[in-house]
Amino acid sequence: MLQLRHRLALTSASGALLLCLAAVPSSQSADIKQTERLTYAAMLGGLHLADLKVTIDESEAGYTSDVEVVSRGVVRWVQDFRATISGTGGFISLLLPDGSKALQPLPEIFQSKWTGGEFASAITMTFDSKTRESKVSKRLYNPLTNEALSRDDMPWSRYERREKRKPVPEIFRRDAFDPMAAFIAARRQIMAQKDTKEPSKTFRVPIYDGQKRYDIFGKTGQLRNTSINGKEMTVVPVSITLEPVFGFNTRSLERINDVDSRLYFSADGRFIPIQLTMTSDIFAVVINLQNDCYINALACVNFGQEPSP
């Protein structure tokens, strides 16, 4: 159950990763307005692990973004896990080190919730408009009784008691993005480098997710052809590296160092995320695009419901 929880949590976080690229408009268009509704299937080996629905609205006025995650298949027989991640904010202009100008998200609020059996978590993050320090309120509780719980009540707490998690200092919570805003920022940095002479584009963004502080570094590769869900397509690969800053215990550091993450998104004006892969010596998670809800509206309408026999 512990490993299941970690993998579902990893899949939930990956939804945010997919979201960052779901709204990439054409780099040759000055209009940043875009709306996307997409669904994905997450697989662990040959096991259907979870489904995700990504929703994003982005314009010059700002952004709103949501990811929903539900457990599926055999996993759902073990535990009905559900998660939602959302973020809202505006945009400001940013000058990159190479002189390029990029739009940078200015997050206002971030929320993350999950439930699984008798356990649930709710996190709300807000941002000081002057200092840009993020402040977090957290709640662990039993969703069946609404009774408050502590970290020691969680079934995985015995693995964490040897290394108590320390609060992230104020200095690390300033000028850091929540997970939603972070990947929008990463995408904007890549878009701003469209005229660079370098063969690949790179980005680095600082993230505070309410519990840990880390940086995400990414680099694009050359276009490649691949087959996904039996369909040949041209994709842009992006390699992702997570660099811990604060709040990681020895166990979590080992998991991070062991994981190789890659994104593949369509090489067209929409830049829709097609596939995300996360592999290590002990597991391989693949998240594939299943439906574009502009083409198949029912996929979003019926999301989260049990499929018909």
C-alpha atoms as a PDB file:
ATOM      1  CA  MET A   1       0.000   0.000   0.000  1.00  0.00           C
ATOM      2  CA  LEU A   2       2.876   2.347   0.761  1.00  0.00           C
ATOM      3  CA  GLN A   3       4.385   1.887  -2.691  1.00  0.00           C
ATOM      4  CA  LEU A   4       0.946   2.333  -4.245  1.00  0.00           C
ATOM      5  CA  ARG A   5       0.503   5.612  -2.425  1.00  0.00           C
ATOM      6  CA  HIS A   6       3.899   6.898  -3.598  1.00  0.00           C
ATOM      7  CA  ARG A   7       3.187   5.965  -7.209  1.00  0.00           C
ATOM      8  CA  LEU A   8      -0.270   7.525  -7.186  1.00  0.00           C
ATOM      9  CA  ALA A   9       1.164  10.677  -5.653  1.00  0.00           C
ATOM     10  CA  LEU A  10       3.860  10.663  -8.326  1.00  0.00           C
ATOM     11  CA  THR A  11       1.178  10.316 -10.992  1.00  0.00           C
ATOM     12  CA  SER A  12      -0.755  13.222  -9.490  1.00  0.00           C
ATOM     13  CA  ALA A  13       2.342  15.401  -9.594  1.00  0.00           C
ATOM     14  CA  SER A  14       2.942  14.288 -13.155  1.00  0.00           C
ATOM     15  CA  GLY A  15      -0.449  15.687 -14.053  1.00  0.00           C
ATOM     16  CA  ALA A  16       0.924  19.096 -13.250  1.00  0.00           C
ATOM     17  CA  LEU A  17       3.905  18.284 -15.440  1.00  0.00           C
ATOM     18  CA  LEU A  18       1.589  17.499 -18.348  1.00  0.00           C
ATOM     19  CA  LEU A  19      -0.417  20.629 -17.673  1.00  0.00           C
ATOM     20  CA  CYS A  20       2.547  22.888 -18.195  1.00  0.00           C
ATOM     21  CA  LEU A  21       2.738  21.929 -21.857  1.00  0.00           C
ATOM     22  CA  ALA A  22      -0.967  21.504 -22.497  1.00  0.00           C
ATOM     23  CA  ALA A  23      -1.419  25.191 -23.153  1.00  0.00           C
ATOM     24  CA  VAL A  24       1.589  25.939 -25.296  1.00  0.00           C
ATOM     25  CA  PRO A  25       0.299  28.031 -28.200  1.00  0.00           C
ATOM     26  CA  SER A  26       2.168  28.396 -31.460  1.00  0.00           C
ATOM     27  CA  SER A  27       5.513  30.065 -30.853  1.00  0.00           C
ATOM     28  CA  GLN A  28       4.865  32.120 -33.964  1.00  0.00           C
ATOM     29  CA  SER A  29       1.668  33.621 -32.624  1.00  0.00           C
ATOM     30  CA  ALA A  30       1.465  36.734 -30.433  1.00  0.00           C
ATOM     31  CA  ASP A  31      -1.920  35.629 -29.092  1.00  0.00           C
ATOM     32  CA  ILE A  32      -1.412  33.569 -25.942  1.00  0.00           C
ATOM     33  CA  LYS A  33      -5.095  32.812 -25.481  1.00  0.00           C
ATOM     34  CA  GLN A  34      -5.718  29.071 -25.402  1.00  0.00           C
ATOM     35  CA  THR A  35      -8.113  26.630 -23.786  1.00  0.00           C
ATOM     36  CA  GLU A  36      -7.462  22.901 -23.528  1.00  0.00           C
ATOM     37  CA  ARG A  37      -9.416  19.924 -22.173  1.00  0.00           C
ATOM     38  CA  LEU A  38      -7.450  16.656 -22.319  1.00  0.00           C
ATOM     39  CA  THR A  39      -7.581  13.218 -20.698  1.00  0.00           C
ATOM     40  CA  TYR A  40      -4.734  10.801 -20.040  1.00  0.00           C
ATOM     41  CA  ALA A  41      -4.221   7.213 -18.905  1.00  0.00           C
ATOM     42  CA  ALA A  42      -1.396   6.306 -16.514  1.00  0.00           C
ATOM     43  CA  MET A  43       0.081   2.814 -16.701  1.00  0.00           C
ATOM     44  CA  LEU A  44       2.466   1.068 -14.318  1.00  0.00           C
ATOM     45  CA  GLY A  45       3.976  -1.679 -16.432  1.00  0.00           C
ATOM     46  CA  GLY A  46       0.875  -3.251 -17.962  1.00  0.00           C
ATOM     47  CA  LEU A  47      -1.345  -2.168 -15.064  1.00  0.00           C
ATOM     48  CA  HIS A  48      -3.853   0.649 -15.532  1.00  0.00           C
ATOM     49  CA  LEU A  49      -2.905   2.865 -12.601  1.00  0.00           C
ATOM     50  CA  ALA A  50      -4.995   6.036 -12.962  1.00  0.00           C
ATOM     51  CA  ASP A  51      -6.782   8.449 -15.290  1.00  0.00           C
ATOM     52  CA  LEU A  52      -6.083  12.173 -15.454  1.00  0.00           C
ATOM     53  CA  LYS A  53      -8.054  15.116 -16.792  1.00  0.00           C
ATOM     54  CA  VAL A  54      -6.160  18.324 -17.601  1.00  0.00           C
ATOM     55  CA  THR A  55      -7.989  21.640 -17.948  1.00  0.00           C
ATOM     56  CA  ILE A  56      -6.347  24.980 -18.661  1.00  0.00           C
ATOM     57  CA  ASP A  57      -7.425  28.470 -19.698  1.00  0.00           C
ATOM     58  CA  GLU A  58      -4.698  30.966 -20.487  1.00  0.00           C
ATOM     59  CA  SER A  59      -4.805  34.521 -21.821  1.00  0.00           C
ATOM     60  CA  GLU A  60      -3.002  37.818 -21.360  1.00  0.00           C
ATOM     61  CA  ALA A  61      -5.240  38.409 -18.311  1.00  0.00           C
ATOM     62  CA  GLY A  62      -3.898  35.327 -16.531  1.00  0.00           C
ATOM     63  CA  TYR A  63      -4.292  31.590 -16.170  1.00  0.00           C
ATOM     64  CA  THR A  64      -6.413  28.972 -14.444  1.00  0.00           C
ATOM     65  CA  SER A  65      -5.401  25.324 -14.398  1.00  0.00           C
ATOM     66  CA  ASP A  66      -6.731  22.066 -13.004  1.00  0.00           C
ATOM     67  CA  VAL A  67      -5.686  18.422 -12.914  1.00  0.00           C
ATOM     68  CA  GLU A  68      -7.972  15.638 -11.690  1.00  0.00           C
ATOM     69  CA  VAL A  69      -6.656  12.152 -10.917  1.00  0.00           C
ATOM     70  CA  VAL A  70      -8.667   8.990 -10.201  1.00  0.00           C
ATOM     71  CA  SER A  71      -7.347   5.486  -9.544  1.00  0.00           C
ATOM     72  CA  ARG A  72      -8.318   2.836 -12.082  1.00  0.00           C
ATOM     73  CA  GLY A  73      -8.361  -0.885 -12.786  1.00  0.00           C
ATOM     74  CA  VAL A  74      -7.061  -3.294 -10.190  1.00  0.00           C
ATOM     75  CA  VAL A  75      -5.642  -0.346  -8.262  1.00  0.00           C
ATOM     76  CA  ARG A  76      -9.137   0.973  -7.608  1.00  0.00           C
ATOM     77  CA  TRP A  77     -10.157  -2.364  -6.109  1.00  0.00           C
ATOM     78  CA  VAL A  78      -7.443  -1.781  -3.518  1.00  0.00           C
ATOM     79  CA  GLN A  79      -8.146   1.884  -2.908  1.00  0.00           C
ATOM     80  CA  ASP A  80     -10.387   4.559  -4.434  1.00  0.00           C
ATOM     81  CA  PHE A  81      -7.776   7.305  -4.703  1.00  0.00           C
ATOM     82  CA  ARG A  82      -8.775  10.749  -6.022  1.00  0.00           C
ATOM     83  CA  ALA A  83      -6.780  13.958  -6.281  1.00  0.00           C
ATOM     84  CA  THR A  84      -7.286  17.486  -7.581  1.00  0.00           C
ATOM     85  CA  ILE A  85      -4.608  20.103  -8.209  1.00  0.00           C
ATOM     86  CA  SER A  86      -5.462  23.683  -9.212  1.00  0.00           C
ATOM     87  CA  GLY A  87      -3.760  27.036  -9.640  1.00  0.00           C
ATOM     88  CA  THR A  88      -4.666  30.585 -10.674  1.00  0.00           C
ATOM     89  CA  GLY A  89      -2.664  33.729 -11.305  1.00  0.00           C
ATOM     90  CA  GLY A  90      -1.614  36.453 -13.714  1.00  0.00           C
ATOM     91  CA  PHE A  91       1.420  37.217 -15.868  1.00  0.00           C
ATOM     92  CA  ILE A  92       4.328  39.661 -15.708  1.00  0.00           C
ATOM     93  CA  SER A  93       7.140  40.337 -18.166  1.00  0.00           C
ATOM     94  CA  LEU A  94      10.518  38.698 -17.501  1.00  0.00           C
ATOM     95  CA  LEU A  95      13.932  39.292 -19.088  1.00  0.00           C
ATOM     96  CA  LEU A  96      15.881  36.041 -19.463  1.00  0.00           C
ATOM     97  CA  PRO A  97      19.706  35.876 -19.154  1.00  0.00           C
ATOM     98  CA  ASP A  98      20.079  35.626 -22.943  1.00  0.00           C
ATOM     99  CA  GLY A  99      18.085  38.848 -23.436  1.00  0.00           C
ATOM    100  CA  SER A 100      14.858  37.130 -24.467  1.00  0.00           C
ATOM    101  CA  LYS A 101      11.601  38.436 -23.049  1.00  0.00           C
ATOM    102  CA  ALA A 102       9.207  35.916 -21.547  1.00  0.00           C
ATOM    103  CA  LEU A 103       5.865  36.010 -19.816  1.00  0.00           C
ATOM    104  CA  GLN A 104       6.217  34.754 -16.263  1.00  0.00           C
ATOM    105  CA  PRO A 105       3.234  33.561 -14.216  1.00  0.00           C
ATOM    106  CA  LEU A 106       2.450  35.459 -11.040  1.00  0.00           C
ATOM    107  CA  PRO A 107       0.655  32.846  -8.911  1.00  0.00           C
ATOM    108  CA  GLU A 108      -2.178  33.888  -6.618  1.00  0.00           C
ATOM    109  CA  ILE A 109      -3.516  30.654  -5.159  1.00  0.00           C
ATOM    110  CA  PHE A 110      -2.685  26.957  -5.369  1.00  0.00           C
ATOM    111  CA  GLN A 111      -4.702  24.065  -3.972  1.00  0.00           C
ATOM    112  CA  SER A 112      -3.993  20.345  -3.739  1.00  0.00           C
ATOM    113  CA  LYS A 113      -6.384  17.742  -2.345  1.00  0.00           C
ATOM    114  CA  TRP A 114      -6.419  13.963  -2.246  1.00  0.00           C
ATOM    115  CA  THR A 115      -8.516  11.264  -0.628  1.00  0.00           C
ATOM    116  CA  GLY A 116      -7.854   7.560  -0.257  1.00  0.00           C
ATOM    117  CA  GLY A 117      -9.976   5.373   1.993  1.00  0.00           C
ATOM    118  CA  GLU A 118      -9.930   6.761   5.541  1.00  0.00           C
ATOM    119  CA  PHE A 119      -7.259   9.345   4.815  1.00  0.00           C
ATOM    120  CA  ALA A 120      -7.328  12.726   3.097  1.00  0.00           C
ATOM    121  CA  SER A 121      -5.174  15.826   2.705  1.00  0.00           C
ATOM    122  CA  ALA A 122      -5.918  19.434   1.737  1.00  0.00           C
ATOM    123  CA  ILE A 123      -3.254  22.075   1.047  1.00  0.00           C
ATOM    124  CA  THR A 124      -3.884  25.723   0.186  1.00  0.00           C
ATOM    125  CA  MET A 125      -1.031  28.043  -0.773  1.00  0.00           C
ATOM    126  CA  THR A 126      -1.288  31.821  -1.085  1.00  0.00           C
ATOM    127  CA  PHE A 127       1.314  34.418  -2.078  1.00  0.00           C
ATOM    128  CA  ASP A 128       2.172  37.743  -0.460  1.00  0.00           C
ATOM    129  CA  SER A 129       1.757  40.412  -3.133  1.00  0.00           C
ATOM    130  CA  LYS A 130       4.805  42.400  -1.925  1.00  0.00           C
ATOM    131  CA  THR A 131       7.359  39.866  -0.699  1.00  0.00           C
ATOM    132  CA  ARG A 132       6.178  36.981  -2.954  1.00  0.00           C
ATOM    133  CA  GLU A 133       6.530  34.683   0.041  1.00  0.00           C
ATOM    134  CA  SER A 134       4.238  31.664  -0.160  1.00  0.00           C
ATOM    135  CA  LYS A 135       2.195  30.692   2.876  1.00  0.00           C
ATOM    136  CA  VAL A 136       0.576  27.309   3.305  1.00  0.00           C
ATOM    137  CA  SER A 137      -2.299  25.907   5.313  1.00  0.00           C
ATOM    138  CA  LYS A 138      -2.520  22.105   5.566  1.00  0.00           C
ATOM    139  CA  ARG A 139      -5.072  19.680   6.885  1.00  0.00           C
ATOM    140  CA  LEU A 140      -4.972  15.909   7.303  1.00  0.00           C
ATOM    141  CA  TYR A 141      -8.312  14.313   8.109  1.00  0.00           C
ATOM    142  CA  ASN A 142     -10.602  11.306   7.833  1.00  0.00           C
ATOM    143  CA  PRO A 143     -12.981  12.054   4.936  1.00  0.00           C
ATOM    144  CA  LEU A 144     -15.585   9.659   6.366  1.00  0.00           C
ATOM    145  CA  THR A 145     -15.835  11.382   9.758  1.00  0.00           C
ATOM    146  CA  ASN A 146     -14.111  14.757   9.103  1.00  0.00           C
ATOM    147  CA  GLU A 147     -11.920  14.007  12.134  1.00  0.00           C
ATOM    148  CA  ALA A 148      -8.561  15.764  12.118  1.00  0.00           C
ATOM    149  CA  LEU A 149      -5.498  13.518  11.780  1.00  0.00           C
ATOM    150  CA  SER A 150      -1.779  14.024  12.331  1.00  0.00           C
ATOM    151  CA  ARG A 151       1.141  12.805  10.251  1.00  0.00           C
ATOM    152  CA  ASP A 152       1.733  10.065  12.835  1.00  0.00           C
ATOM    153  CA  ASP A 153      -1.754   8.706  12.054  1.00  0.00           C
ATOM    154  CA  MET A 154      -0.817   8.068   8.433  1.00  0.00           C
ATOM    155  CA  PRO A 155       0.010   4.436   7.550  1.00  0.00           C
ATOM    156  CA  TRP A 156       3.369   5.408   6.035  1.00  0.00           C
ATOM    157  CA  SER A 157       4.493   7.533   9.006  1.00  0.00           C
ATOM    158  CA  ARG A 158       6.610   4.707  10.446  1.00  0.00           C
ATOM    159  CA  TYR A 159       8.935   5.121   7.471  1.00  0.00           C
ATOM    160  CA  GLU A 160       9.418   8.817   8.231  1.00  0.00           C
ATOM    161  CA  ARG A 161       9.846   8.853  12.011  1.00  0.00           C
ATOM    162  CA  ARG A 162      13.608   8.446  11.855  1.00  0.00           C
ATOM    163  CA  GLU A 163      13.979  11.697   9.935  1.00  0.00           C
ATOM    164  CA  LYS A 164      11.432  14.288  11.008  1.00  0.00           C
ATOM    165  CA  ARG A 165      10.563  16.746   8.241  1.00  0.00           C
ATOM    166  CA  LYS A 166      11.639  20.321   9.060  1.00  0.00           C
ATOM    167  CA  PRO A 167       9.553  23.324   7.962  1.00  0.00           C
ATOM    168  CA  VAL A 168      10.862  25.016   4.817  1.00  0.00           C
ATOM    169  CA  PRO A 169      12.517  28.319   5.846  1.00  0.00           C
ATOM    170  CA  GLU A 170      11.032  31.621   4.733  1.00  0.00           C
ATOM    171  CA  ILE A 171      13.958  32.404   2.439  1.00  0.00           C
ATOM    172  CA  PHE A 172      13.213  29.300   0.359  1.00  0.00           C
ATOM    173  CA  ARG A 173       9.515  30.148   0.140  1.00  0.00           C
ATOM    174  CA  ARG A 174      10.126  33.510  -1.505  1.00  0.00           C
ATOM    175  CA  ASP A 175      10.037  33.878  -5.285  1.00  0.00           C
ATOM    176  CA  ALA A 176       9.245  30.179  -5.724  1.00  0.00           C
ATOM    177  CA  PHE A 177       6.396  28.847  -7.838  1.00  0.00           C
ATOM    178  CA  ASP A 178       3.702  26.387  -6.915  1.00  0.00           C
ATOM    179  CA  PRO A 179       3.775  23.274  -9.165  1.00  0.00           C
ATOM    180  CA  MET A 180       1.155  24.643 -11.591  1.00  0.00           C
ATOM    181  CA  ALA A 181       2.772  28.056 -12.015  1.00  0.00           C
ATOM    182  CA  ALA A 182       6.237  26.512 -12.180  1.00  0.00           C
ATOM    183  CA  PHE A 183       5.602  24.566 -15.329  1.00  0.00           C
ATOM    184  CA  ILE A 184       3.782  27.431 -16.989  1.00  0.00           C
ATOM    185  CA  ALA A 185       6.943  29.440 -16.257  1.00  0.00           C
ATOM    186  CA  ALA A 186       9.101  26.669 -17.734  1.00  0.00           C
ATOM    187  CA  ARG A 187       7.014  26.596 -20.889  1.00  0.00           C
ATOM    188  CA  ARG A 188       7.233  30.355 -21.274  1.00  0.00           C
ATOM    189  CA  GLN A 189      11.000  30.261 -20.978  1.00  0.00           C
ATOM    190  CA  ILE A 190      11.187  27.712 -23.784  1.00  0.00           C
ATOM    191  CA  MET A 191       8.842  29.744 -25.967  1.00  0.00           C
ATOM    192  CA  ALA A 192      10.903  32.907 -25.444  1.00  0.00           C
ATOM    193  CA  GLN A 193      13.999  31.134 -26.783  1.00  0.00           C
ATOM    194  CA  LYS A 194      12.514  30.437 -30.193  1.00  0.00           C
ATOM    195  CA  ASP A 195      15.210  32.489 -31.927  1.00  0.00           C
ATOM    196  CA  THR A 196      18.168  31.098 -29.992  1.00  0.00           C
ATOM    197  CA  LYS A 197      21.022  29.583 -32.005  1.00  0.00           C
ATOM    198  CA  GLU A 198      21.484  26.813 -29.456  1.00  0.00           C
ATOM    199  CA  PRO A 199      20.376  23.344 -30.650  1.00  0.00           C
ATOM    200  CA  SER A 200      18.240  22.869 -27.535  1.00  0.00           C
ATOM    201  CA  LYS A 201      16.215  25.102 -25.251  1.00  0.00           C
ATOM    202  CA  THR A 202      16.563  24.976 -21.482  1.00  0.00           C
ATOM    203  CA  PHE A 203      14.664  26.183 -18.460  1.00  0.00           C
ATOM    204  CA  ARG A 204      15.078  26.253 -14.690  1.00  0.00           C
ATOM    205  CA  VAL A 205      12.335  27.122 -12.216  1.00  0.00           C
ATOM    206  CA  PRO A 206      12.193  27.085  -8.390  1.00  0.00           C
ATOM    207  CA  ILE A 207       9.248  25.207  -6.838  1.00  0.00           C
ATOM    208  CA  TYR A 208       7.699  25.037  -3.390  1.00  0.00           C
ATOM    209  CA  ASP A 209       4.844  22.533  -3.245  1.00  0.00           C
ATOM    210  CA  GLY A 210       3.798  23.130   0.356  1.00  0.00           C
ATOM    211  CA  GLN A 211       6.160  20.531   1.792  1.00  0.00           C
ATOM    212  CA  LYS A 212       9.410  20.566  -0.175  1.00  0.00           C
ATOM    213  CA  ARG A 213      11.537  23.094  -2.039  1.00  0.00           C
ATOM    214  CA  TYR A 214      13.296  22.037  -5.255  1.00  0.00           C
ATOM    215  CA  ASP A 215      14.321  23.236  -8.715  1.00  0.00           C
ATOM    216  CA  ILE A 216      13.223  21.740 -12.006  1.00  0.00           C
ATOM    217  CA  PHE A 217      15.707  21.829 -14.852  1.00  0.00           C
ATOM    218  CA  GLY A 218      14.674  20.833 -18.360  1.00  0.00           C
ATOM    219  CA  LYS A 219      16.180  20.626 -21.833  1.00  0.00           C
ATOM    220  CA  THR A 220      14.536  20.008 -25.189  1.00  0.00           C
ATOM    221  CA  GLY A 221      15.865  17.520 -27.717  1.00  0.00           C
ATOM    222  CA  GLN A 222      15.597  17.362 -31.479  1.00  0.00           C
ATOM    223  CA  LEU A 223      12.335  16.373 -33.157  1.00  0.00           C
ATOM    224  CA  ARG A 224      11.804  12.649 -33.400  1.00  0.00           C
ATOM    225  CA  ASN A 225       9.222  10.271 -34.818  1.00  0.00           C
ATOM    226  CA  THR A 226       7.604   7.796 -32.454  1.00  0.00           C
ATOM    227  CA  SER A 227       4.597   5.493 -32.184  1.00  0.00           C
ATOM    228  CA  ILE A 228       2.192   6.195 -29.316  1.00  0.00           C
ATOM    229  CA  ASN A 229      -1.024   4.219 -28.935  1.00  0.00           C
ATOM    230  CA  GLY A 230      -0.323   2.706 -32.359  1.00  0.00           C
ATOM    231  CA  LYS A 231      -0.146   6.092 -34.085  1.00  0.00           C
ATOM    232  CA  GLU A 232       2.976   7.504 -35.709  1.00  0.00           C
ATOM    233  CA  MET A 233       3.683  11.139 -34.889  1.00  0.00           C
ATOM    234  CA  THR A 234       6.442  13.710 -34.646  1.00  0.00           C
ATOM    235  CA  VAL A 235       7.197  14.843 -31.105  1.00  0.00           C
ATOM    236  CA  VAL A 236       9.502  17.197 -29.222  1.00  0.00           C
ATOM    237  CA  PRO A 237      11.263  15.429 -26.301  1.00  0.00           C
ATOM    238  CA  VAL A 238      12.007  17.245 -23.062  1.00  0.00           C
ATOM    239  CA  SER A 239      14.237  15.733 -20.380  1.00  0.00           C
ATOM    240  CA  ILE A 240      13.383  16.719 -16.797  1.00  0.00           C
ATOM    241  CA  THR A 241      15.695  16.793 -13.765  1.00  0.00           C
ATOM    242  CA  LEU A 242      14.573  17.535 -10.201  1.00  0.00           C
ATOM    243  CA  GLU A 243      17.206  19.125  -7.975  1.00  0.00           C
ATOM    244  CA  PRO A 244      16.359  19.012  -4.222  1.00  0.00           C
ATOM    245  CA  VAL A 245      16.864  22.179  -2.151  1.00  0.00           C
ATOM    246  CA  PHE A 246      15.119  21.580   1.209  1.00  0.00           C
ATOM    247  CA  GLY A 247      12.718  19.181   2.900  1.00  0.00           C
ATOM    248  CA  PHE A 248      13.896  15.840   1.487  1.00  0.00           C
ATOM    249  CA  ASN A 249      14.773  12.907   3.701  1.00  0.00           C
ATOM    250  CA  THR A 250      17.189  10.169   2.722  1.00  0.00           C
ATOM    251  CA  ARG A 251      14.423   7.904   1.423  1.00  0.00           C
ATOM    252  CA  SER A 252      12.924  10.540  -0.876  1.00  0.00           C
ATOM    253  CA  LEU A 253      16.355  11.567  -2.172  1.00  0.00           C
ATOM    254  CA  GLU A 254      17.035   7.980  -3.169  1.00  0.00           C
ATOM    255  CA  ARG A 255      13.747   7.791  -5.088  1.00  0.00           C
ATOM    256  CA  ILE A 256      14.420  11.059  -6.919  1.00  0.00           C
ATOM    257  CA  ASN A 257      17.932  10.106  -7.980  1.00  0.00           C
ATOM    258  CA  ASP A 258      16.630   6.812  -9.323  1.00  0.00           C
ATOM    259  CA  VAL A 259      13.941   8.266 -11.619  1.00  0.00           C
ATOM    260  CA  ASP A 260      14.419   9.301 -15.261  1.00  0.00           C
ATOM    261  CA  SER A 261      11.590  11.585 -16.518  1.00  0.00           C
ATOM    262  CA  ARG A 262      10.882  12.541 -20.127  1.00  0.00           C
ATOM    263  CA  LEU A 263       8.067  14.450 -21.808  1.00  0.00           C
ATOM    264  CA  TYR A 264       7.001  14.206 -25.438  1.00  0.00           C
ATOM    265  CA  PHE A 265       4.621  16.748 -26.930  1.00  0.00           C
ATOM    266  CA  SER A 266       3.261  17.324 -30.399  1.00  0.00           C
ATOM    267  CA  ALA A 267       5.410  19.326 -32.803  1.00  0.00           C
ATOM    268  CA  ASP A 268       2.583  21.577 -33.932  1.00  0.00           C
ATOM    269  CA  GLY A 269       0.990  24.895 -33.002  1.00  0.00           C
ATOM    270  CA  ARG A 270      -0.809  23.430 -29.983  1.00  0.00           C
ATOM    271  CA  PHE A 271       2.123  21.554 -28.437  1.00  0.00           C
ATOM    272  CA  ILE A 272      -0.237  19.094 -26.758  1.00  0.00           C
ATOM    273  CA  PRO A 273       1.524  16.721 -24.334  1.00  0.00           C
ATOM    274  CA  ILE A 274       1.452  13.275 -25.897  1.00  0.00           C
ATOM    275  CA  GLN A 275       3.371  11.161 -23.416  1.00  0.00           C
ATOM    276  CA  LEU A 276       5.216  11.331 -20.100  1.00  0.00           C
ATOM    277  CA  THR A 277       7.551   8.524 -18.993  1.00  0.00           C
ATOM    278  CA  MET A 278       9.103   7.990 -15.548  1.00  0.00           C
ATOM    279  CA  THR A 279      11.406   5.018 -15.182  1.00  0.00           C
ATOM    280  CA  SER A 280      13.663   3.578 -12.479  1.00  0.00           C
ATOM    281  CA  ASP A 281      15.205   0.235 -11.634  1.00  0.00           C
ATOM    282  CA  ILE A 282      11.993  -0.932  -9.953  1.00  0.00           C
ATOM    283  CA  PHE A 283       9.121   0.691 -11.895  1.00  0.00           C
ATOM    284  CA  ALA A 284       8.108   2.344 -15.162  1.00  0.00           C
ATOM    285  CA  VAL A 285       5.163   4.746 -15.328  1.00  0.00           C
ATOM    286  CA  VAL A 286       3.828   5.871 -18.720  1.00  0.00           C
ATOM    287  CA  ILE A 287       1.118   8.521 -19.101  1.00  0.00           C
ATOM    288  CA  ASN A 288      -0.413   8.694 -22.587  1.00  0.00           C
ATOM    289  CA  LEU A 289      -2.839  11.181 -24.088  1.00  0.00           C
ATOM    290  CA  GLN A 290      -6.193   9.424 -24.514  1.00  0.00           C
ATOM    291  CA  ASN A 291      -8.672  12.092 -25.604  1.00  0.00           C
ATOM    292  CA  ASP A 292      -8.819  15.641 -26.882  1.00  0.00           C
ATOM    293  CA  CYS A 293     -12.201  16.758 -25.547  1.00  0.00           C
ATOM    294  CA  TYR A 294     -12.714  19.157 -28.430  1.00  0.00           C
ATOM    295  CA  ILE A 295     -12.945  16.023 -30.569  1.00  0.00           C
ATOM    296  CA  ASN A 296     -14.522  13.693 -27.997  1.00  0.00           C
ATOM    297  CA  ALA A 297     -16.476  15.858 -25.550  1.00  0.00           C
ATOM    298  CA  LEU A 298     -17.909  12.863 -23.683  1.00  0.00           C
ATOM    299  CA  ALA A 299     -14.435  11.879 -22.502  1.00  0.00           C
ATOM    300  CA  CYS A 300     -14.417  14.944 -20.232  1.00  0.00           C
ATOM    301  CA  VAL A 301     -18.127  14.809 -19.383  1.00  0.00           C
ATOM    302  CA  ASN A 302     -17.839  11.199 -18.191  1.00  0.00           C
ATOM    303  CA  PHE A 303     -14.420  11.519 -16.601  1.00  0.00           C
ATOM    304  CA  GLY A 304     -14.137   9.745 -13.255  1.00  0.00           C
ATOM    305  CA  GLN A 305     -17.072   7.429 -13.869  1.00  0.00           C
ATOM    306  CA  GLU A 306     -16.636   3.682 -14.024  1.00  0.00           C
ATOM    307  CA  PRO A 307     -16.381   2.575 -17.676  1.00  0.00           C
ATOM    308  CA  SER A 308     -19.272   0.575 -19.081  1.00  0.00           C
ATOM    309  CA  PRO A 309     -18.717  -3.198 -19.202  1.00  0.00           C
END
